[in-house]
Amino acid sequence: MMKIKSKKKLSIVLASIFASSLLTPPVANAAYTVAPKVGQCFQYTKAQVSASYAPKNPINCSLTHNMETFAVVTWPESINPVDMDHETALDIVNELCDFWGTFPNAEKSRLSTSSFNYWAWYTPSRAAWAKGERWVRCDAMIGKFSSANQWPPASHISWKGLRINKYY
């Protein structure tokens, strides 16, 4: 009887640890230590895509990835974008990154699984901002949408090889 209770307790503890690891967001600025450049590739989870800061360094584009940097621009304001009203920051970033102008077919390819149709942007961590970094990194992605009205995508498509200059 004691053995069954111990196994049950262990199962509950392990299940709790596993569940909390799934629900705990990634550390937002833990590993991004390089200067952003156009043509860098990243493999991010859905949670990492939504992070306020770039969560990890780029990988070789010949490896499986789901994001490619299409623009790196200088943030024009003195206020850190994460400290601004979200809509105001997004308006500025929309203009700076110009995803829809860079990839004019993106809006029409919402249900495509082979063309860029979604994008994300990242800024320096608070520590990097405090040291004077003022970049905005703009990354193109292929979102998997179940309908043209869905936002954000349910998931992101991954691929190998650089696509930015090949298809656009």
N, C-alpha and C. Protein backbone atom coordinates (compact mmCIF):
# COMPACT_ATOMS: atom_id res chain seq x y z
N MET A 1 0.82 -1.18 0.00
CA MET A 1 0.00 0.00 0.00
C MET A 1 0.88 1.26 0.00
N MET A 2 1.93 1.28 0.83
CA MET A 2 2.85 2.42 0.90
C MET A 2 3.55 2.62 -0.45
N LYS A 3 3.89 1.52 -1.13
CA LYS A 3 4.57 1.59 -2.40
C LYS A 3 3.68 2.26 -3.45
N ILE A 4 2.39 1.94 -3.46
CA ILE A 4 1.44 2.51 -4.41
C ILE A 4 1.28 4.01 -4.14
N LYS A 5 1.16 4.41 -2.86
CA LYS A 5 1.04 5.82 -2.52
C LYS A 5 2.29 6.60 -2.93
N SER A 6 3.46 6.01 -2.73
CA SER A 6 4.71 6.67 -3.11
C SER A 6 4.78 6.85 -4.62
N LYS A 7 4.39 5.84 -5.37
CA LYS A 7 4.40 5.94 -6.84
C LYS A 7 3.40 6.98 -7.30
N LYS A 8 2.24 7.02 -6.65
CA LYS A 8 1.22 7.99 -7.02
C LYS A 8 1.73 9.41 -6.75
N LYS A 9 2.36 9.63 -5.58
CA LYS A 9 2.91 10.93 -5.26
C LYS A 9 3.99 11.33 -6.25
N LEU A 10 4.87 10.38 -6.59
CA LEU A 10 5.93 10.65 -7.55
C LEU A 10 5.33 11.02 -8.90
N SER A 11 4.32 10.30 -9.32
CA SER A 11 3.66 10.60 -10.60
C SER A 11 3.07 12.00 -10.59
N ILE A 12 2.45 12.38 -9.49
CA ILE A 12 1.86 13.71 -9.39
C ILE A 12 2.94 14.79 -9.43
N VAL A 13 4.03 14.58 -8.71
CA VAL A 13 5.13 15.54 -8.69
C VAL A 13 5.74 15.68 -10.09
N LEU A 14 6.00 14.58 -10.75
CA LEU A 14 6.59 14.62 -12.10
C LEU A 14 5.64 15.29 -13.08
N ALA A 15 4.35 14.98 -12.99
CA ALA A 15 3.36 15.60 -13.87
C ALA A 15 3.31 17.11 -13.63
N SER A 16 3.40 17.53 -12.38
CA SER A 16 3.38 18.95 -12.04
C SER A 16 4.62 19.66 -12.60
N ILE A 17 5.77 19.04 -12.45
CA ILE A 17 7.00 19.63 -12.97
C ILE A 17 6.92 19.76 -14.49
N PHE A 18 6.45 18.71 -15.16
CA PHE A 18 6.33 18.74 -16.61
C PHE A 18 5.36 19.83 -17.04
N ALA A 19 4.21 19.90 -16.40
CA ALA A 19 3.20 20.90 -16.76
C ALA A 19 3.72 22.31 -16.54
N SER A 20 4.41 22.54 -15.44
CA SER A 20 4.92 23.89 -15.19
C SER A 20 6.02 24.25 -16.19
N SER A 21 6.77 23.28 -16.66
CA SER A 21 7.80 23.59 -17.66
C SER A 21 7.17 23.99 -18.98
N LEU A 22 6.00 23.44 -19.29
CA LEU A 22 5.29 23.83 -20.50
C LEU A 22 4.69 25.22 -20.39
N LEU A 23 4.27 25.59 -19.20
CA LEU A 23 3.59 26.86 -19.00
C LEU A 23 4.54 28.01 -18.69
N THR A 24 5.77 27.72 -18.35
CA THR A 24 6.73 28.76 -18.01
C THR A 24 7.30 29.36 -19.29
N PRO A 25 7.15 30.68 -19.48
CA PRO A 25 7.67 31.28 -20.70
C PRO A 25 9.19 31.24 -20.71
N PRO A 26 9.78 31.25 -21.92
CA PRO A 26 11.23 31.24 -21.99
C PRO A 26 11.81 32.54 -21.44
N VAL A 27 13.04 32.47 -20.98
CA VAL A 27 13.71 33.68 -20.53
C VAL A 27 13.93 34.52 -21.77
N ALA A 28 13.39 35.70 -21.77
CA ALA A 28 13.29 36.50 -22.98
C ALA A 28 14.62 36.96 -23.55
N ASN A 29 15.61 37.22 -22.73
CA ASN A 29 16.84 37.79 -23.26
C ASN A 29 18.07 36.99 -22.87
N ALA A 30 17.90 35.73 -22.62
CA ALA A 30 18.97 34.92 -22.07
C ALA A 30 20.15 34.72 -23.01
N ALA A 31 19.92 34.50 -24.30
CA ALA A 31 21.03 34.03 -25.12
C ALA A 31 21.28 34.83 -26.39
N TYR A 32 20.58 35.92 -26.63
CA TYR A 32 20.82 36.66 -27.87
C TYR A 32 22.00 37.59 -27.65
N THR A 33 23.13 37.21 -28.22
CA THR A 33 24.38 37.93 -27.93
C THR A 33 25.07 38.47 -29.16
N VAL A 34 24.45 38.37 -30.33
CA VAL A 34 25.09 38.83 -31.56
C VAL A 34 24.35 40.03 -32.12
N ALA A 35 25.02 40.77 -32.98
CA ALA A 35 24.37 41.89 -33.65
C ALA A 35 23.45 41.32 -34.73
N PRO A 36 22.22 41.82 -34.82
CA PRO A 36 21.31 41.32 -35.85
C PRO A 36 21.76 41.74 -37.25
N LYS A 37 21.56 40.83 -38.21
CA LYS A 37 21.94 41.09 -39.61
C LYS A 37 20.88 40.50 -40.52
N VAL A 38 20.65 41.14 -41.64
CA VAL A 38 19.74 40.60 -42.65
C VAL A 38 20.28 39.26 -43.11
N GLY A 39 19.40 38.28 -43.23
CA GLY A 39 19.79 36.96 -43.70
C GLY A 39 20.04 35.95 -42.57
N GLN A 40 19.94 36.38 -41.32
CA GLN A 40 20.09 35.43 -40.22
C GLN A 40 18.84 34.56 -40.13
N CYS A 41 19.02 33.32 -39.64
CA CYS A 41 17.92 32.37 -39.53
C CYS A 41 17.75 31.93 -38.07
N PHE A 42 16.49 31.63 -37.71
CA PHE A 42 16.17 31.27 -36.34
C PHE A 42 15.15 30.14 -36.32
N GLN A 43 15.22 29.31 -35.30
CA GLN A 43 14.21 28.29 -35.06
C GLN A 43 13.61 28.60 -33.69
N TYR A 44 12.43 29.19 -33.68
CA TYR A 44 11.77 29.60 -32.45
C TYR A 44 10.51 28.79 -32.22
N THR A 45 10.19 28.59 -30.95
CA THR A 45 8.91 27.99 -30.59
C THR A 45 7.85 29.10 -30.69
N LYS A 46 6.59 28.72 -30.59
CA LYS A 46 5.52 29.71 -30.64
C LYS A 46 5.67 30.73 -29.51
N ALA A 47 6.03 30.27 -28.33
CA ALA A 47 6.24 31.18 -27.19
C ALA A 47 7.41 32.13 -27.45
N GLN A 48 8.48 31.63 -28.05
CA GLN A 48 9.63 32.47 -28.33
C GLN A 48 9.31 33.51 -29.40
N VAL A 49 8.47 33.15 -30.37
CA VAL A 49 8.05 34.11 -31.40
C VAL A 49 7.38 35.31 -30.74
N SER A 50 6.63 35.07 -29.67
CA SER A 50 5.88 36.13 -28.99
C SER A 50 6.68 36.87 -27.92
N ALA A 51 7.92 36.50 -27.71
CA ALA A 51 8.74 37.13 -26.66
C ALA A 51 8.98 38.60 -26.97
N SER A 52 9.14 39.40 -25.94
CA SER A 52 9.41 40.83 -26.11
C SER A 52 10.80 41.08 -26.69
N TYR A 53 11.74 40.22 -26.34
CA TYR A 53 13.11 40.36 -26.82
C TYR A 53 13.51 39.11 -27.57
N ALA A 54 14.55 39.24 -28.38
CA ALA A 54 15.07 38.09 -29.11
C ALA A 54 15.60 37.05 -28.13
N PRO A 55 15.01 35.84 -28.11
CA PRO A 55 15.39 34.87 -27.08
C PRO A 55 16.65 34.05 -27.34
N LYS A 56 17.09 33.92 -28.59
CA LYS A 56 18.30 33.13 -28.80
C LYS A 56 19.00 33.52 -30.08
N ASN A 57 20.25 33.11 -30.21
CA ASN A 57 21.09 33.46 -31.34
C ASN A 57 20.64 32.75 -32.62
N PRO A 58 21.08 33.30 -33.78
CA PRO A 58 20.74 32.67 -35.05
C PRO A 58 21.42 31.31 -35.22
N ILE A 59 20.87 30.54 -36.14
CA ILE A 59 21.46 29.25 -36.50
C ILE A 59 21.86 29.29 -37.97
N ASN A 60 22.61 28.31 -38.41
CA ASN A 60 22.99 28.20 -39.81
C ASN A 60 21.72 28.00 -40.64
N CYS A 61 21.58 28.74 -41.71
CA CYS A 61 20.36 28.69 -42.53
C CYS A 61 20.19 27.36 -43.26
N SER A 62 21.23 26.54 -43.30
CA SER A 62 21.08 25.22 -43.92
C SER A 62 20.36 24.25 -42.98
N LEU A 63 20.24 24.65 -41.70
CA LEU A 63 19.51 23.84 -40.72
C LEU A 63 18.02 24.21 -40.77
N THR A 64 17.18 23.38 -40.18
CA THR A 64 15.76 23.66 -40.13
C THR A 64 15.51 24.91 -39.30
N HIS A 65 14.75 25.85 -39.88
CA HIS A 65 14.44 27.11 -39.19
C HIS A 65 13.05 27.59 -39.63
N ASN A 66 12.52 28.56 -38.88
CA ASN A 66 11.19 29.07 -39.21
C ASN A 66 11.12 30.59 -39.26
N MET A 67 12.27 31.26 -39.23
CA MET A 67 12.32 32.71 -39.33
C MET A 67 13.58 33.14 -40.05
N GLU A 68 13.46 34.19 -40.87
CA GLU A 68 14.61 34.78 -41.52
C GLU A 68 14.54 36.29 -41.37
N THR A 69 15.65 36.90 -41.02
CA THR A 69 15.69 38.35 -40.83
C THR A 69 15.73 39.02 -42.19
N PHE A 70 14.73 39.89 -42.45
CA PHE A 70 14.66 40.59 -43.74
C PHE A 70 15.03 42.06 -43.61
N ALA A 71 15.08 42.59 -42.39
CA ALA A 71 15.48 43.98 -42.20
C ALA A 71 16.01 44.17 -40.78
N VAL A 72 16.98 45.05 -40.66
CA VAL A 72 17.46 45.51 -39.35
C VAL A 72 17.52 47.03 -39.47
N VAL A 73 16.81 47.70 -38.58
CA VAL A 73 16.71 49.16 -38.64
C VAL A 73 17.00 49.75 -37.27
N THR A 74 17.23 51.04 -37.23
CA THR A 74 17.49 51.74 -35.98
C THR A 74 16.17 52.26 -35.41
N TRP A 75 15.95 52.02 -34.12
CA TRP A 75 14.76 52.52 -33.44
C TRP A 75 14.87 54.05 -33.36
N PRO A 76 13.87 54.79 -33.85
CA PRO A 76 13.99 56.25 -33.94
C PRO A 76 13.61 57.03 -32.68
N GLU A 77 13.06 56.37 -31.70
CA GLU A 77 12.58 57.05 -30.49
C GLU A 77 13.55 56.87 -29.33
N SER A 78 13.47 57.75 -28.34
CA SER A 78 14.33 57.62 -27.16
C SER A 78 13.75 56.63 -26.15
N ILE A 79 12.46 56.32 -26.28
CA ILE A 79 11.79 55.40 -25.35
C ILE A 79 11.90 53.98 -25.89
N ASN A 80 12.24 53.05 -25.01
CA ASN A 80 12.30 51.63 -25.37
C ASN A 80 10.89 51.20 -25.83
N PRO A 81 10.77 50.52 -26.97
CA PRO A 81 9.45 50.13 -27.46
C PRO A 81 8.63 49.30 -26.47
N VAL A 82 9.29 48.52 -25.62
CA VAL A 82 8.53 47.71 -24.65
C VAL A 82 7.94 48.57 -23.54
N ASP A 83 8.40 49.82 -23.43
CA ASP A 83 7.84 50.73 -22.43
C ASP A 83 6.77 51.64 -23.03
N MET A 84 6.51 51.51 -24.31
CA MET A 84 5.51 52.33 -24.99
C MET A 84 4.18 51.60 -25.04
N ASP A 85 3.14 52.36 -25.34
CA ASP A 85 1.85 51.76 -25.65
C ASP A 85 2.08 50.79 -26.82
N HIS A 86 1.53 49.56 -26.71
CA HIS A 86 1.79 48.52 -27.73
C HIS A 86 1.38 48.98 -29.13
N GLU A 87 0.23 49.60 -29.25
CA GLU A 87 -0.25 50.03 -30.58
C GLU A 87 0.67 51.09 -31.19
N THR A 88 1.16 52.00 -30.37
CA THR A 88 2.07 53.04 -30.85
C THR A 88 3.37 52.41 -31.33
N ALA A 89 3.94 51.51 -30.53
CA ALA A 89 5.17 50.82 -30.93
C ALA A 89 4.95 50.03 -32.20
N LEU A 90 3.82 49.34 -32.31
CA LEU A 90 3.52 48.54 -33.50
C LEU A 90 3.38 49.42 -34.74
N ASP A 91 2.77 50.58 -34.60
CA ASP A 91 2.66 51.50 -35.74
C ASP A 91 4.04 51.91 -36.24
N ILE A 92 4.94 52.22 -35.31
CA ILE A 92 6.30 52.62 -35.69
C ILE A 92 7.02 51.45 -36.36
N VAL A 93 6.92 50.27 -35.76
CA VAL A 93 7.60 49.09 -36.30
C VAL A 93 7.03 48.69 -37.67
N ASN A 94 5.73 48.80 -37.84
CA ASN A 94 5.13 48.50 -39.15
C ASN A 94 5.77 49.36 -40.24
N GLU A 95 5.97 50.63 -39.92
CA GLU A 95 6.58 51.53 -40.88
C GLU A 95 8.06 51.21 -41.09
N LEU A 96 8.78 50.92 -40.00
CA LEU A 96 10.22 50.63 -40.09
C LEU A 96 10.50 49.33 -40.85
N CYS A 97 9.77 48.28 -40.49
CA CYS A 97 10.03 46.97 -41.10
C CYS A 97 9.42 46.87 -42.50
N ASP A 98 8.26 47.45 -42.70
CA ASP A 98 7.56 47.45 -43.98
C ASP A 98 7.44 46.05 -44.58
N PHE A 99 7.00 45.09 -43.76
CA PHE A 99 6.83 43.70 -44.22
C PHE A 99 5.93 43.63 -45.44
N TRP A 100 4.78 44.30 -45.39
CA TRP A 100 3.79 44.19 -46.48
C TRP A 100 4.32 44.83 -47.75
N GLY A 101 5.18 45.85 -47.65
CA GLY A 101 5.80 46.45 -48.84
C GLY A 101 6.95 45.60 -49.36
N THR A 102 7.69 44.97 -48.45
CA THR A 102 8.81 44.12 -48.83
C THR A 102 8.32 42.83 -49.49
N PHE A 103 7.24 42.28 -48.96
CA PHE A 103 6.66 41.04 -49.48
C PHE A 103 5.21 41.30 -49.87
N PRO A 104 4.99 41.96 -51.03
CA PRO A 104 3.64 42.39 -51.39
C PRO A 104 2.63 41.25 -51.56
N ASN A 105 3.09 40.05 -51.83
CA ASN A 105 2.16 38.93 -51.99
C ASN A 105 1.82 38.25 -50.66
N ALA A 106 2.44 38.70 -49.59
CA ALA A 106 2.25 38.04 -48.29
C ALA A 106 0.81 38.06 -47.82
N GLU A 107 0.14 39.18 -48.00
CA GLU A 107 -1.24 39.29 -47.53
C GLU A 107 -2.17 38.33 -48.28
N LYS A 108 -1.90 38.15 -49.58
CA LYS A 108 -2.72 37.25 -50.39
C LYS A 108 -2.37 35.78 -50.18
N SER A 109 -1.23 35.52 -49.55
CA SER A 109 -0.78 34.14 -49.37
C SER A 109 -1.01 33.66 -47.94
N ARG A 110 -2.02 34.20 -47.27
CA ARG A 110 -2.30 33.84 -45.88
C ARG A 110 -2.39 32.33 -45.67
N LEU A 111 -2.99 31.60 -46.61
CA LEU A 111 -3.17 30.15 -46.44
C LEU A 111 -2.04 29.35 -47.07
N SER A 112 -1.03 30.02 -47.61
CA SER A 112 0.11 29.33 -48.20
C SER A 112 0.98 28.70 -47.12
N THR A 113 1.57 27.58 -47.46
CA THR A 113 2.54 26.96 -46.55
C THR A 113 3.94 27.00 -47.17
N SER A 114 4.12 27.84 -48.20
CA SER A 114 5.43 27.94 -48.83
C SER A 114 5.88 29.38 -49.05
N SER A 115 5.03 30.36 -48.78
CA SER A 115 5.38 31.77 -48.96
C SER A 115 5.31 32.51 -47.64
N PHE A 116 6.16 33.51 -47.48
CA PHE A 116 6.10 34.32 -46.27
C PHE A 116 4.73 34.98 -46.16
N ASN A 117 4.12 34.88 -44.98
CA ASN A 117 2.80 35.47 -44.78
C ASN A 117 2.63 36.02 -43.36
N TYR A 118 3.70 36.09 -42.60
CA TYR A 118 3.64 36.50 -41.21
C TYR A 118 5.00 37.04 -40.82
N TRP A 119 5.06 37.90 -39.83
CA TRP A 119 6.35 38.44 -39.42
C TRP A 119 6.35 38.77 -37.93
N ALA A 120 7.55 38.92 -37.40
CA ALA A 120 7.73 39.27 -36.00
C ALA A 120 8.87 40.28 -35.92
N TRP A 121 8.93 41.00 -34.83
CA TRP A 121 10.00 41.97 -34.64
C TRP A 121 10.53 41.87 -33.22
N TYR A 122 11.81 42.21 -33.09
CA TYR A 122 12.50 42.11 -31.81
C TYR A 122 13.38 43.33 -31.60
N THR A 123 13.60 43.64 -30.33
CA THR A 123 14.45 44.76 -29.95
C THR A 123 15.50 44.25 -28.96
N PRO A 124 16.49 45.08 -28.65
CA PRO A 124 17.48 44.65 -27.66
C PRO A 124 16.84 44.40 -26.29
N SER A 125 17.45 43.55 -25.51
CA SER A 125 17.01 43.34 -24.13
C SER A 125 17.16 44.64 -23.36
N ARG A 126 16.58 44.70 -22.19
CA ARG A 126 16.73 45.92 -21.36
C ARG A 126 18.20 46.21 -21.07
N ALA A 127 18.98 45.17 -20.82
CA ALA A 127 20.40 45.35 -20.53
C ALA A 127 21.13 45.91 -21.75
N ALA A 128 20.83 45.38 -22.94
CA ALA A 128 21.46 45.87 -24.17
C ALA A 128 20.99 47.29 -24.48
N TRP A 129 19.71 47.57 -24.23
CA TRP A 129 19.17 48.92 -24.42
C TRP A 129 19.93 49.90 -23.52
N ALA A 130 20.15 49.52 -22.28
CA ALA A 130 20.86 50.38 -21.33
C ALA A 130 22.29 50.66 -21.79
N LYS A 131 22.86 49.74 -22.58
CA LYS A 131 24.22 49.92 -23.10
C LYS A 131 24.22 50.71 -24.42
N GLY A 132 23.02 51.11 -24.90
CA GLY A 132 22.95 51.96 -26.09
C GLY A 132 22.49 51.28 -27.37
N GLU A 133 22.20 50.00 -27.34
CA GLU A 133 21.72 49.34 -28.57
C GLU A 133 20.31 49.81 -28.88
N ARG A 134 20.06 50.14 -30.17
CA ARG A 134 18.76 50.68 -30.56
C ARG A 134 18.25 50.07 -31.87
N TRP A 135 18.49 48.80 -32.08
CA TRP A 135 18.06 48.15 -33.31
C TRP A 135 16.66 47.55 -33.19
N VAL A 136 16.07 47.32 -34.35
CA VAL A 136 14.83 46.54 -34.47
C VAL A 136 15.12 45.48 -35.52
N ARG A 137 14.92 44.24 -35.16
CA ARG A 137 15.13 43.11 -36.09
C ARG A 137 13.77 42.66 -36.60
N CYS A 138 13.62 42.57 -37.91
CA CYS A 138 12.36 42.21 -38.54
C CYS A 138 12.53 40.84 -39.21
N ASP A 139 11.72 39.87 -38.79
CA ASP A 139 11.84 38.49 -39.27
C ASP A 139 10.60 38.04 -40.03
N ALA A 140 10.81 37.45 -41.19
CA ALA A 140 9.72 36.89 -42.00
C ALA A 140 9.51 35.44 -41.62
N MET A 141 8.25 35.02 -41.66
CA MET A 141 7.90 33.64 -41.31
C MET A 141 6.79 33.15 -42.23
N ILE A 142 6.55 31.86 -42.16
CA ILE A 142 5.40 31.26 -42.82
C ILE A 142 4.50 30.73 -41.72
N GLY A 143 3.40 31.41 -41.52
CA GLY A 143 2.44 30.99 -40.50
C GLY A 143 1.48 29.98 -41.08
N LYS A 144 1.05 29.06 -40.25
CA LYS A 144 0.05 28.08 -40.67
C LYS A 144 -1.30 28.53 -40.13
N PHE A 145 -2.14 29.02 -41.03
CA PHE A 145 -3.46 29.54 -40.68
C PHE A 145 -4.53 28.56 -41.11
N SER A 146 -5.56 28.41 -40.31
CA SER A 146 -6.67 27.52 -40.69
C SER A 146 -7.72 28.28 -41.51
N SER A 147 -7.69 29.61 -41.45
CA SER A 147 -8.60 30.42 -42.26
C SER A 147 -7.94 31.76 -42.52
N ALA A 148 -8.47 32.49 -43.48
CA ALA A 148 -7.91 33.80 -43.82
C ALA A 148 -8.11 34.82 -42.71
N ASN A 149 -9.05 34.58 -41.81
CA ASN A 149 -9.33 35.51 -40.72
C ASN A 149 -8.60 35.19 -39.43
N GLN A 150 -7.93 34.04 -39.37
CA GLN A 150 -7.24 33.65 -38.13
C GLN A 150 -6.02 34.53 -37.91
N TRP A 151 -5.82 34.93 -36.66
CA TRP A 151 -4.64 35.70 -36.29
C TRP A 151 -4.39 35.53 -34.80
N PRO A 152 -3.25 35.22 -34.34
CA PRO A 152 -2.05 34.84 -35.07
C PRO A 152 -2.16 33.42 -35.61
N PRO A 153 -1.14 32.96 -36.32
CA PRO A 153 -1.20 31.60 -36.86
C PRO A 153 -1.18 30.55 -35.75
N ALA A 154 -1.73 29.39 -36.07
CA ALA A 154 -1.75 28.27 -35.11
C ALA A 154 -0.34 27.75 -34.87
N SER A 155 0.48 27.78 -35.91
CA SER A 155 1.86 27.31 -35.80
C SER A 155 2.68 27.97 -36.90
N HIS A 156 3.96 27.63 -36.96
CA HIS A 156 4.86 28.20 -37.96
C HIS A 156 5.53 27.07 -38.73
N ILE A 157 5.62 27.22 -40.03
CA ILE A 157 6.24 26.24 -40.91
C ILE A 157 7.76 26.40 -40.84
N SER A 158 8.48 25.29 -40.84
CA SER A 158 9.94 25.32 -40.85
C SER A 158 10.46 24.85 -42.21
N TRP A 159 11.67 25.24 -42.55
CA TRP A 159 12.28 24.86 -43.81
C TRP A 159 13.79 24.89 -43.66
N LYS A 160 14.50 24.46 -44.70
CA LYS A 160 15.97 24.53 -44.73
C LYS A 160 16.37 25.40 -45.91
N GLY A 161 17.45 26.12 -45.74
CA GLY A 161 17.96 26.99 -46.80
C GLY A 161 17.34 28.37 -46.72
N LEU A 162 18.09 29.37 -47.19
CA LEU A 162 17.66 30.76 -47.15
C LEU A 162 16.60 31.01 -48.22
N ARG A 163 15.47 31.60 -47.85
CA ARG A 163 14.38 31.88 -48.78
C ARG A 163 14.22 33.35 -49.12
N ILE A 164 14.73 34.22 -48.31
CA ILE A 164 14.45 35.64 -48.51
C ILE A 164 14.78 36.11 -49.91
N ASN A 165 15.95 35.81 -50.40
CA ASN A 165 16.36 36.31 -51.72
C ASN A 165 15.93 35.40 -52.86
N LYS A 166 15.47 34.21 -52.57
CA LYS A 166 15.08 33.27 -53.61
C LYS A 166 13.66 33.52 -54.15
N TYR A 167 12.77 33.87 -53.25
CA TYR A 167 11.36 33.94 -53.64
C TYR A 167 10.80 35.33 -53.69
N TYR A 168 11.57 36.33 -53.31
CA TYR A 168 11.01 37.67 -53.26
C TYR A 168 11.92 38.66 -53.90
